[in-house]
Protein backbone atom coordinates (compact mmCIF):
# COMPACT_ATOMS: atom_id res chain seq x y z
CA MET A 1 -29.16 -14.34 -57.39
CA THR A 2 -31.77 -13.08 -54.80
CA GLN A 3 -31.42 -14.19 -51.22
CA PRO A 4 -34.21 -15.31 -49.38
CA ARG A 5 -35.86 -12.68 -47.22
CA ARG A 6 -35.32 -13.28 -43.26
CA LYS A 7 -38.77 -13.47 -41.57
CA ASP A 8 -39.16 -10.53 -39.25
CA ARG A 9 -39.66 -11.47 -35.78
CA PRO A 10 -41.90 -9.33 -33.61
CA PHE A 11 -40.50 -7.84 -30.34
CA THR A 12 -42.26 -9.55 -27.91
CA GLY A 13 -42.67 -9.03 -23.93
CA ARG A 14 -40.39 -11.93 -23.39
CA LYS A 15 -37.60 -10.15 -25.54
CA MET A 16 -38.22 -7.09 -23.36
CA ALA A 17 -38.03 -9.06 -20.15
CA LEU A 18 -34.84 -10.68 -21.22
CA LEU A 19 -33.37 -7.22 -22.26
CA LEU A 20 -34.26 -5.52 -18.95
CA VAL A 21 -33.02 -8.56 -16.94
CA SER A 22 -29.93 -8.67 -18.74
CA PHE A 23 -29.28 -4.94 -18.26
CA PHE A 24 -29.54 -4.64 -14.68
CA ALA A 25 -27.57 -7.87 -14.26
CA VAL A 26 -24.55 -6.24 -15.95
CA VAL A 27 -25.19 -2.97 -13.67
CA VAL A 28 -25.30 -4.87 -10.48
CA GLY A 29 -22.31 -7.03 -11.30
CA VAL A 30 -20.20 -3.90 -12.44
CA ASN A 31 -21.36 -2.52 -9.07
CA MET A 32 -20.26 -5.50 -6.98
CA LEU A 33 -17.00 -5.81 -8.78
CA MET A 34 -16.28 -1.96 -7.92
CA ALA A 35 -17.32 -2.41 -4.51
CA ARG A 36 -15.11 -5.40 -4.13
CA LEU A 37 -12.04 -3.70 -5.66
CA ALA A 38 -12.70 -0.59 -3.46
CA SER A 39 -12.97 -2.16 -0.17
CA ALA A 40 -9.82 -4.71 -0.98
CA THR A 41 -7.70 -1.75 -2.05
CA PHE A 42 -8.62 1.09 0.31
CA GLY A 43 -6.25 1.17 3.49
CA GLY A 44 -8.54 3.27 5.77
CA VAL A 45 -6.30 6.01 6.25
CA VAL A 46 -8.36 9.25 6.61
CA VAL A 47 -6.88 12.71 8.08
CA ASP A 48 -9.18 14.08 10.80
CA ASN A 49 -8.94 17.38 9.21
CA SER A 50 -8.60 17.72 5.42
CA TYR A 51 -8.15 21.68 5.62
CA VAL A 52 -5.19 21.36 8.09
CA ALA A 53 -3.59 18.54 6.14
CA SER A 54 -3.85 20.79 2.89
CA GLN A 55 -2.11 23.47 5.01
CA GLU A 56 0.90 20.96 5.74
CA PHE A 57 1.17 19.53 2.29
CA ASN A 58 3.90 21.76 1.02
CA GLY A 59 5.89 21.08 4.07
CA TRP A 60 5.72 17.69 3.66
CA LEU A 61 6.65 17.97 -0.08
CA LYS A 62 10.09 19.91 1.02
CA GLN A 63 10.50 17.16 3.66
CA ALA A 64 10.22 14.35 1.32
CA GLN A 65 12.73 16.35 -1.20
CA ALA A 66 15.23 16.57 1.71
CA GLU A 67 15.06 12.83 2.45
CA LYS A 68 15.23 11.96 -1.31
CA ALA A 69 18.42 14.21 -1.55
CA LEU A 70 20.11 11.98 1.13
CA GLY A 71 20.13 9.04 -1.21
CA TRP A 72 19.70 6.46 1.48
CA LYS A 73 18.28 2.93 0.55
CA ARG A 74 16.76 0.05 2.38
CA VAL A 75 16.11 -3.43 1.96
CA ILE A 76 13.37 -5.01 4.27
CA ALA A 77 13.29 -8.69 4.46
CA ARG A 78 13.16 -11.62 7.10
CA ASP A 79 15.88 -13.41 8.64
CA ALA A 80 16.18 -17.09 9.38
CA ALA A 81 14.31 -16.65 13.00
CA SER A 82 11.78 -14.86 10.83
CA ARG A 83 12.44 -11.25 12.42
CA VAL A 84 12.02 -8.36 10.29
CA VAL A 85 15.37 -6.66 9.35
CA VAL A 86 15.81 -3.40 7.55
CA THR A 87 19.23 -2.91 6.17
CA VAL A 88 19.92 0.96 5.24
CA ILE A 89 22.73 2.04 3.37
CA ASP A 90 23.66 5.61 2.22
CA SER A 91 24.22 6.90 -1.38
CA ALA A 92 27.95 5.65 -1.30
CA ASP A 93 26.60 2.14 -0.67
CA HIS A 94 27.95 2.36 2.96
CA PRO A 95 26.07 0.59 5.83
CA ILE A 96 24.58 3.46 8.10
CA ALA A 97 25.36 2.42 11.47
CA ALA A 98 24.43 3.59 15.09
CA ALA A 99 21.30 4.90 13.96
CA LYS A 100 17.96 5.04 15.64
CA VAL A 101 15.34 3.06 13.67
CA THR A 102 11.66 2.62 14.31
CA ALA A 103 8.77 1.20 12.29
CA VAL A 104 5.08 0.97 12.48
CA ALA A 105 3.92 -2.31 11.02
CA GLU A 106 0.31 -2.11 9.88
CA HIS A 107 -1.70 -5.05 8.36
CA PRO A 108 -2.75 -4.38 4.80
CA LEU A 109 -6.25 -5.07 5.36
CA GLY A 110 -6.59 -4.02 9.05
CA GLN A 111 -7.21 -7.54 10.52
CA ARG A 112 -4.36 -7.20 13.06
CA PRO A 113 -3.69 -4.39 15.39
CA THR A 114 -0.99 -1.70 14.35
CA THR A 115 2.21 -2.81 15.80
CA THR A 116 5.36 -0.13 16.83
CA LEU A 117 8.73 -1.64 16.40
CA THR A 118 11.96 -0.28 17.85
CA LEU A 119 14.69 -1.98 15.71
CA GLN A 120 17.97 -2.94 17.29
CA GLU A 121 21.20 -2.98 15.34
CA THR A 122 22.17 -6.66 14.75
CA ALA A 123 25.08 -5.65 12.15
CA PRO A 124 26.21 -2.48 10.78
CA GLY A 125 23.35 -1.01 8.95
CA ALA A 126 21.07 -3.74 9.45
CA TYR A 127 18.29 -3.30 12.20
CA GLY A 128 15.97 -5.96 13.41
CA ALA A 129 12.71 -6.68 15.52
CA ALA A 130 10.41 -9.26 16.07
CA LEU A 131 7.21 -9.08 14.09
CA GLU A 132 4.55 -11.89 13.72
CA PRO A 133 4.33 -13.79 10.65
CA GLY A 134 2.13 -12.34 7.79
CA ARG A 135 1.97 -9.74 5.25
CA TRP A 136 2.83 -6.18 6.76
CA ARG A 137 3.11 -2.50 5.62
CA LEU A 138 6.12 -1.08 7.36
CA ASN A 139 6.47 2.84 7.74
CA VAL A 140 10.12 3.18 9.02
CA MET A 141 11.90 5.96 10.41
CA VAL A 142 15.61 5.98 10.51
CA GLU A 143 17.59 8.83 12.55
CA ALA A 144 21.02 9.27 11.89
CA ASP A 145 23.74 11.87 11.86
CA GLY A 146 21.09 14.76 12.69
CA GLN A 147 18.91 13.36 9.62
CA ILE A 148 15.54 11.77 9.52
CA TRP A 149 14.68 9.51 6.61
CA ARG A 150 11.36 7.82 6.24
CA THR A 151 10.55 5.07 4.15
CA VAL A 152 7.61 2.48 3.41
CA GLY A 153 7.95 -1.19 2.54
CA GLU A 154 6.28 -4.35 2.74
CA VAL A 155 7.39 -7.71 4.25
CA GLN A 156 6.05 -11.11 4.18
């Protein structure tokens, strides 16, 4: 039982050209994909001086740990009037009333200007403000009982 030998085909210039074109097509395709993913996910936040930011980093960590120890939680949503509503509760699930709540609304792709909101209490623990429709990233700061708590969330 012998199998017939395959005929050896020579490596021609046409095969070499096809190999080169295929290789560079893959490289260009991957580069375009990576550039697209990078530009779509980078929020554009850059510090002015990275050395100074690195010096303050440990302070930011301590501040974040203190905020986490409070055990506060939040829900960010839109109400029937399309206003953004931030509901804040403490670790015992009681609403945090009479707080000063502010938020900075940033468009994820930077297509709209950053908006600063001062939220007014609409119900115990619920704070609302008008915000134009669309997807927004909210940097919320709550000041209550001498404590400051920061959180980040999204609303559509």
